[in-house]
Amino acid sequence: MVIEMISYRPFYQTLFRLGITEYYLIYKQGMPSNTLHRIKHGEAITTKTINTLCEILNCQVSDIIEYVPDE
């Protein structure tokens, strides 16, 4: 059985590339800390959240998530 997986690895690469911290997202942009907790633990987030992150970071969806098949 193959398990499909969404990875948030690009999100952290994008934060690093832009010099943005989780502190900035929480305290300056109002991103809920539990959302970042969900991302950090590979849990599901909504498309609305992905949209908000793309707006804040001025980036594409592929800069936030990627599909990684489990082989």
PDB file of N, CA and C in Angstrom:
ATOM      1  N   MET A   1       0.835  -1.183   0.000  1.00  0.00           N
ATOM      2  CA  MET A   1       0.000   0.000   0.000  1.00  0.00           C
ATOM      3  C   MET A   1       0.880   1.248   0.000  1.00  0.00           C
ATOM      4  N   VAL A   2       0.557   2.192  -0.848  1.00  0.00           N
ATOM      5  CA  VAL A   2       1.308   3.436  -0.958  1.00  0.00           C
ATOM      6  C   VAL A   2       0.574   4.529  -0.187  1.00  0.00           C
ATOM      7  N   ILE A   3       1.288   5.236   0.672  1.00  0.00           N
ATOM      8  CA  ILE A   3       0.714   6.328   1.443  1.00  0.00           C
ATOM      9  C   ILE A   3       1.186   7.632   0.832  1.00  0.00           C
ATOM     10  N   GLU A   4       0.226   8.495   0.496  1.00  0.00           N
ATOM     11  CA  GLU A   4       0.560   9.799  -0.060  1.00  0.00           C
ATOM     12  C   GLU A   4       0.814  10.766   1.074  1.00  0.00           C
ATOM     13  N   MET A   5       1.728  11.704   0.848  1.00  0.00           N
ATOM     14  CA  MET A   5       2.084  12.608   1.929  1.00  0.00           C
ATOM     15  C   MET A   5       2.358  14.015   1.408  1.00  0.00           C
ATOM     16  N   ILE A   6       1.877  14.981   2.145  1.00  0.00           N
ATOM     17  CA  ILE A   6       2.186  16.381   1.874  1.00  0.00           C
ATOM     18  C   ILE A   6       3.287  16.799   2.853  1.00  0.00           C
ATOM     19  N   SER A   7       4.337  17.397   2.332  1.00  0.00           N
ATOM     20  CA  SER A   7       5.453  17.841   3.155  1.00  0.00           C
ATOM     21  C   SER A   7       5.469  19.368   3.226  1.00  0.00           C
ATOM     22  N   TYR A   8       5.813  19.875   4.398  1.00  0.00           N
ATOM     23  CA  TYR A   8       5.945  21.318   4.596  1.00  0.00           C
ATOM     24  C   TYR A   8       7.410  21.767   4.526  1.00  0.00           C
ATOM     25  N   ARG A   9       8.273  20.909   4.057  1.00  0.00           N
ATOM     26  CA  ARG A   9       9.693  21.248   3.942  1.00  0.00           C
ATOM     27  C   ARG A   9       9.912  22.556   3.170  1.00  0.00           C
ATOM     28  N   PRO A  10       9.187  22.778   2.059  1.00  0.00           N
ATOM     29  CA  PRO A  10       9.390  24.047   1.337  1.00  0.00           C
ATOM     30  C   PRO A  10       9.050  25.277   2.180  1.00  0.00           C
ATOM     31  N   PHE A  11       8.103  25.143   3.107  1.00  0.00           N
ATOM     32  CA  PHE A  11       7.732  26.262   3.975  1.00  0.00           C
ATOM     33  C   PHE A  11       8.931  26.736   4.780  1.00  0.00           C
ATOM     34  N   TYR A  12       9.627  25.796   5.397  1.00  0.00           N
ATOM     35  CA  TYR A  12      10.784  26.179   6.211  1.00  0.00           C
ATOM     36  C   TYR A  12      11.939  26.676   5.360  1.00  0.00           C
ATOM     37  N   GLN A  13      12.096  26.132   4.161  1.00  0.00           N
ATOM     38  CA  GLN A  13      13.120  26.634   3.238  1.00  0.00           C
ATOM     39  C   GLN A  13      12.793  28.069   2.812  1.00  0.00           C
ATOM     40  N   THR A  14      11.509  28.339   2.599  1.00  0.00           N
ATOM     41  CA  THR A  14      11.077  29.682   2.208  1.00  0.00           C
ATOM     42  C   THR A  14      11.298  30.668   3.349  1.00  0.00           C
ATOM     43  N   LEU A  15      10.939  30.268   4.568  1.00  0.00           N
ATOM     44  CA  LEU A  15      11.184  31.143   5.719  1.00  0.00           C
ATOM     45  C   LEU A  15      12.667  31.485   5.821  1.00  0.00           C
ATOM     46  N   PHE A  16      13.519  30.484   5.699  1.00  0.00           N
ATOM     47  CA  PHE A  16      14.965  30.691   5.795  1.00  0.00           C
ATOM     48  C   PHE A  16      15.455  31.630   4.699  1.00  0.00           C
ATOM     49  N   ARG A  17      15.001  31.367   3.465  1.00  0.00           N
ATOM     50  CA  ARG A  17      15.428  32.178   2.311  1.00  0.00           C
ATOM     51  C   ARG A  17      15.018  33.639   2.472  1.00  0.00           C
ATOM     52  N   LEU A  18      13.835  33.865   3.056  1.00  0.00           N
ATOM     53  CA  LEU A  18      13.339  35.228   3.229  1.00  0.00           C
ATOM     54  C   LEU A  18      13.785  35.870   4.542  1.00  0.00           C
ATOM     55  N   GLY A  19      14.419  35.096   5.414  1.00  0.00           N
ATOM     56  CA  GLY A  19      14.852  35.622   6.703  1.00  0.00           C
ATOM     57  C   GLY A  19      13.689  35.914   7.638  1.00  0.00           C
ATOM     58  N   ILE A  20      12.637  35.116   7.534  1.00  0.00           N
ATOM     59  CA  ILE A  20      11.441  35.308   8.356  1.00  0.00           C
ATOM     60  C   ILE A  20      11.387  34.229   9.429  1.00  0.00           C
ATOM     61  N   THR A  21      11.028  34.637  10.633  1.00  0.00           N
ATOM     62  CA  THR A  21      10.944  33.702  11.753  1.00  0.00           C
ATOM     63  C   THR A  21       9.495  33.360  12.078  1.00  0.00           C
ATOM     64  N   GLU A  22       9.319  32.278  12.824  1.00  0.00           N
ATOM     65  CA  GLU A  22       7.989  31.931  13.314  1.00  0.00           C
ATOM     66  C   GLU A  22       7.490  33.030  14.252  1.00  0.00           C
ATOM     67  N   TYR A  23       8.379  33.631  15.010  1.00  0.00           N
ATOM     68  CA  TYR A  23       8.011  34.746  15.892  1.00  0.00           C
ATOM     69  C   TYR A  23       7.340  35.850  15.077  1.00  0.00           C
ATOM     70  N   TYR A  24       7.921  36.195  13.944  1.00  0.00           N
ATOM     71  CA  TYR A  24       7.358  37.226  13.069  1.00  0.00           C
ATOM     72  C   TYR A  24       5.953  36.837  12.607  1.00  0.00           C
ATOM     73  N   LEU A  25       5.793  35.590  12.201  1.00  0.00           N
ATOM     74  CA  LEU A  25       4.487  35.140  11.725  1.00  0.00           C
ATOM     75  C   LEU A  25       3.431  35.220  12.823  1.00  0.00           C
ATOM     76  N   ILE A  26       3.811  34.844  14.034  1.00  0.00           N
ATOM     77  CA  ILE A  26       2.860  34.834  15.150  1.00  0.00           C
ATOM     78  C   ILE A  26       2.579  36.237  15.661  1.00  0.00           C
ATOM     79  N   TYR A  27       3.626  36.973  16.006  1.00  0.00           N
ATOM     80  CA  TYR A  27       3.448  38.240  16.704  1.00  0.00           C
ATOM     81  C   TYR A  27       3.291  39.460  15.803  1.00  0.00           C
ATOM     82  N   LYS A  28       3.756  39.382  14.577  1.00  0.00           N
ATOM     83  CA  LYS A  28       3.642  40.533  13.672  1.00  0.00           C
ATOM     84  C   LYS A  28       2.562  40.334  12.618  1.00  0.00           C
ATOM     85  N   GLN A  29       2.289  39.078  12.257  1.00  0.00           N
ATOM     86  CA  GLN A  29       1.300  38.794  11.215  1.00  0.00           C
ATOM     87  C   GLN A  29       0.021  38.153  11.763  1.00  0.00           C
ATOM     88  N   GLY A  30       0.014  37.794  13.043  1.00  0.00           N
ATOM     89  CA  GLY A  30      -1.184  37.235  13.660  1.00  0.00           C
ATOM     90  C   GLY A  30      -1.478  35.788  13.318  1.00  0.00           C
ATOM     91  N   MET A  31      -0.485  35.070  12.848  1.00  0.00           N
ATOM     92  CA  MET A  31      -0.671  33.653  12.543  1.00  0.00           C
ATOM     93  C   MET A  31      -0.812  32.888  13.858  1.00  0.00           C
ATOM     94  N   PRO A  32      -1.868  32.090  14.023  1.00  0.00           N
ATOM     95  CA  PRO A  32      -2.021  31.326  15.270  1.00  0.00           C
ATOM     96  C   PRO A  32      -0.851  30.367  15.492  1.00  0.00           C
ATOM     97  N   SER A  33      -0.359  30.322  16.713  1.00  0.00           N
ATOM     98  CA  SER A  33       0.778  29.438  17.004  1.00  0.00           C
ATOM     99  C   SER A  33       0.413  27.976  16.811  1.00  0.00           C
ATOM    100  N   ASN A  34      -0.868  27.629  17.019  1.00  0.00           N
ATOM    101  CA  ASN A  34      -1.244  26.223  16.822  1.00  0.00           C
ATOM    102  C   ASN A  34      -1.166  25.833  15.341  1.00  0.00           C
ATOM    103  N   THR A  35      -1.302  26.793  14.434  1.00  0.00           N
ATOM    104  CA  THR A  35      -1.142  26.511  13.005  1.00  0.00           C
ATOM    105  C   THR A  35       0.305  26.132  12.709  1.00  0.00           C
ATOM    106  N   LEU A  36       1.231  26.884  13.269  1.00  0.00           N
ATOM    107  CA  LEU A  36       2.647  26.563  13.063  1.00  0.00           C
ATOM    108  C   LEU A  36       3.004  25.241  13.737  1.00  0.00           C
ATOM    109  N   HIS A  37       2.370  24.954  14.856  1.00  0.00           N
ATOM    110  CA  HIS A  37       2.564  23.657  15.526  1.00  0.00           C
ATOM    111  C   HIS A  37       2.096  22.526  14.607  1.00  0.00           C
ATOM    112  N   ARG A  38       0.942  22.702  13.966  1.00  0.00           N
ATOM    113  CA  ARG A  38       0.412  21.689  13.048  1.00  0.00           C
ATOM    114  C   ARG A  38       1.370  21.482  11.866  1.00  0.00           C
ATOM    115  N   ILE A  39       1.887  22.570  11.331  1.00  0.00           N
ATOM    116  CA  ILE A  39       2.830  22.468  10.216  1.00  0.00           C
ATOM    117  C   ILE A  39       4.085  21.724  10.668  1.00  0.00           C
ATOM    118  N   LYS A  40       4.607  22.099  11.811  1.00  0.00           N
ATOM    119  CA  LYS A  40       5.840  21.497  12.318  1.00  0.00           C
ATOM    120  C   LYS A  40       5.703  19.985  12.517  1.00  0.00           C
ATOM    121  N   HIS A  41       4.479  19.555  12.850  1.00  0.00           N
ATOM    122  CA  HIS A  41       4.244  18.133  13.109  1.00  0.00           C
ATOM    123  C   HIS A  41       3.609  17.407  11.921  1.00  0.00           C
ATOM    124  N   GLY A  42       3.596  18.063  10.763  1.00  0.00           N
ATOM    125  CA  GLY A  42       3.122  17.424   9.546  1.00  0.00           C
ATOM    126  C   GLY A  42       1.627  17.164   9.523  1.00  0.00           C
ATOM    127  N   GLU A  43       0.877  17.912  10.298  1.00  0.00           N
ATOM    128  CA  GLU A  43      -0.569  17.732  10.347  1.00  0.00           C
ATOM    129  C   GLU A  43      -1.235  18.603   9.282  1.00  0.00           C
ATOM    130  N   ALA A  44      -2.494  18.317   9.014  1.00  0.00           N
ATOM    131  CA  ALA A  44      -3.227  19.022   7.960  1.00  0.00           C
ATOM    132  C   ALA A  44      -3.499  20.480   8.337  1.00  0.00           C
ATOM    133  N   ILE A  45      -3.428  21.337   7.328  1.00  0.00           N
ATOM    134  CA  ILE A  45      -3.862  22.726   7.463  1.00  0.00           C
ATOM    135  C   ILE A  45      -4.822  23.006   6.309  1.00  0.00           C
ATOM    136  N   THR A  46      -5.602  24.047   6.426  1.00  0.00           N
ATOM    137  CA  THR A  46      -6.598  24.344   5.401  1.00  0.00           C
ATOM    138  C   THR A  46      -5.985  25.079   4.212  1.00  0.00           C
ATOM    139  N   THR A  47      -6.704  25.052   3.108  1.00  0.00           N
ATOM    140  CA  THR A  47      -6.263  25.817   1.946  1.00  0.00           C
ATOM    141  C   THR A  47      -6.325  27.312   2.248  1.00  0.00           C
ATOM    142  N   LYS A  48      -7.214  27.715   3.117  1.00  0.00           N
ATOM    143  CA  LYS A  48      -7.275  29.121   3.531  1.00  0.00           C
ATOM    144  C   LYS A  48      -5.969  29.519   4.225  1.00  0.00           C
ATOM    145  N   THR A  49      -5.452  28.630   5.065  1.00  0.00           N
ATOM    146  CA  THR A  49      -4.183  28.896   5.748  1.00  0.00           C
ATOM    147  C   THR A  49      -3.041  28.960   4.739  1.00  0.00           C
ATOM    148  N   ILE A  50      -3.045  28.052   3.778  1.00  0.00           N
ATOM    149  CA  ILE A  50      -2.008  28.071   2.745  1.00  0.00           C
ATOM    150  C   ILE A  50      -2.089  29.383   1.968  1.00  0.00           C
ATOM    151  N   ASN A  51      -3.298  29.815   1.665  1.00  0.00           N
ATOM    152  CA  ASN A  51      -3.497  31.090   0.970  1.00  0.00           C
ATOM    153  C   ASN A  51      -2.941  32.254   1.790  1.00  0.00           C
ATOM    154  N   THR A  52      -3.241  32.262   3.082  1.00  0.00           N
ATOM    155  CA  THR A  52      -2.757  33.329   3.970  1.00  0.00           C
ATOM    156  C   THR A  52      -1.232  33.338   4.014  1.00  0.00           C
ATOM    157  N   LEU A  53      -0.621  32.170   4.123  1.00  0.00           N
ATOM    158  CA  LEU A  53       0.843  32.092   4.145  1.00  0.00           C
ATOM    159  C   LEU A  53       1.433  32.610   2.832  1.00  0.00           C
ATOM    160  N   CYS A  54       0.806  32.260   1.718  1.00  0.00           N
ATOM    161  CA  CYS A  54       1.289  32.751   0.419  1.00  0.00           C
ATOM    162  C   CYS A  54       1.198  34.274   0.344  1.00  0.00           C
ATOM    163  N   GLU A  55       0.139  34.841   0.902  1.00  0.00           N
ATOM    164  CA  GLU A  55      -0.001  36.298   0.919  1.00  0.00           C
ATOM    165  C   GLU A  55       1.064  36.946   1.794  1.00  0.00           C
ATOM    166  N   ILE A  56       1.260  36.406   2.998  1.00  0.00           N
ATOM    167  CA  ILE A  56       2.248  36.963   3.925  1.00  0.00           C
ATOM    168  C   ILE A  56       3.656  36.870   3.343  1.00  0.00           C
ATOM    169  N   LEU A  57       3.981  35.710   2.783  1.00  0.00           N
ATOM    170  CA  LEU A  57       5.338  35.464   2.293  1.00  0.00           C
ATOM    171  C   LEU A  57       5.534  35.881   0.837  1.00  0.00           C
ATOM    172  N   ASN A  58       4.436  36.304   0.189  1.00  0.00           N
ATOM    173  CA  ASN A  58       4.486  36.687  -1.230  1.00  0.00           C
ATOM    174  C   ASN A  58       5.131  35.571  -2.052  1.00  0.00           C
ATOM    175  N   CYS A  59       4.528  34.385  -1.956  1.00  0.00           N
ATOM    176  CA  CYS A  59       5.106  33.216  -2.613  1.00  0.00           C
ATOM    177  C   CYS A  59       4.016  32.347  -3.223  1.00  0.00           C
ATOM    178  N   GLN A  60       4.408  31.272  -3.850  1.00  0.00           N
ATOM    179  CA  GLN A  60       3.507  30.310  -4.469  1.00  0.00           C
ATOM    180  C   GLN A  60       3.229  29.153  -3.509  1.00  0.00           C
ATOM    181  N   VAL A  61       2.171  28.394  -3.804  1.00  0.00           N
ATOM    182  CA  VAL A  61       1.816  27.237  -2.978  1.00  0.00           C
ATOM    183  C   VAL A  61       2.993  26.263  -2.901  1.00  0.00           C
ATOM    184  N   SER A  62       3.714  26.101  -3.994  1.00  0.00           N
ATOM    185  CA  SER A  62       4.860  25.177  -4.014  1.00  0.00           C
ATOM    186  C   SER A  62       5.995  25.631  -3.098  1.00  0.00           C
ATOM    187  N   ASP A  63       5.942  26.885  -2.641  1.00  0.00           N
ATOM    188  CA  ASP A  63       6.925  27.367  -1.665  1.00  0.00           C
ATOM    189  C   ASP A  63       6.490  27.049  -0.233  1.00  0.00           C
ATOM    190  N   ILE A  64       5.290  26.465  -0.080  1.00  0.00           N
ATOM    191  CA  ILE A  64       4.745  26.122   1.229  1.00  0.00           C
ATOM    192  C   ILE A  64       4.659  24.613   1.422  1.00  0.00           C
ATOM    193  N   ILE A  65       4.125  23.907   0.405  1.00  0.00           N
ATOM    194  CA  ILE A  65       3.934  22.455   0.504  1.00  0.00           C
ATOM    195  C   ILE A  65       4.438  21.770  -0.747  1.00  0.00           C
ATOM    196  N   GLU A  66       4.682  20.470  -0.601  1.00  0.00           N
ATOM    197  CA  GLU A  66       5.021  19.632  -1.749  1.00  0.00           C
ATOM    198  C   GLU A  66       4.471  18.229  -1.513  1.00  0.00           C
ATOM    199  N   TYR A  67       4.148  17.557  -2.594  1.00  0.00           N
ATOM    200  CA  TYR A  67       3.684  16.180  -2.510  1.00  0.00           C
ATOM    201  C   TYR A  67       4.887  15.256  -2.561  1.00  0.00           C
ATOM    202  N   VAL A  68       4.966  14.358  -1.594  1.00  0.00           N
ATOM    203  CA  VAL A  68       6.053  13.392  -1.542  1.00  0.00           C
ATOM    204  C   VAL A  68       5.446  11.999  -1.382  1.00  0.00           C
ATOM    205  N   PRO A  69       5.484  11.183  -2.450  1.00  0.00           N
ATOM    206  CA  PRO A  69       4.925   9.837  -2.322  1.00  0.00           C
ATOM    207  C   PRO A  69       5.783   8.979  -1.393  1.00  0.00           C
ATOM    208  N   ASP A  70       5.122   8.163  -0.610  1.00  0.00           N
ATOM    209  CA  ASP A  70       5.822   7.237   0.296  1.00  0.00           C
ATOM    210  C   ASP A  70       6.103   5.972  -0.489  1.00  0.00           C
ATOM    211  N   GLU A  71       7.370   5.691  -0.695  1.00  0.00           N
ATOM    212  CA  GLU A  71       7.722   4.523  -1.509  1.00  0.00           C
ATOM    213  C   GLU A  71       8.199   3.379  -0.683  1.00  0.00           C
TER     214      GLU A  71
END
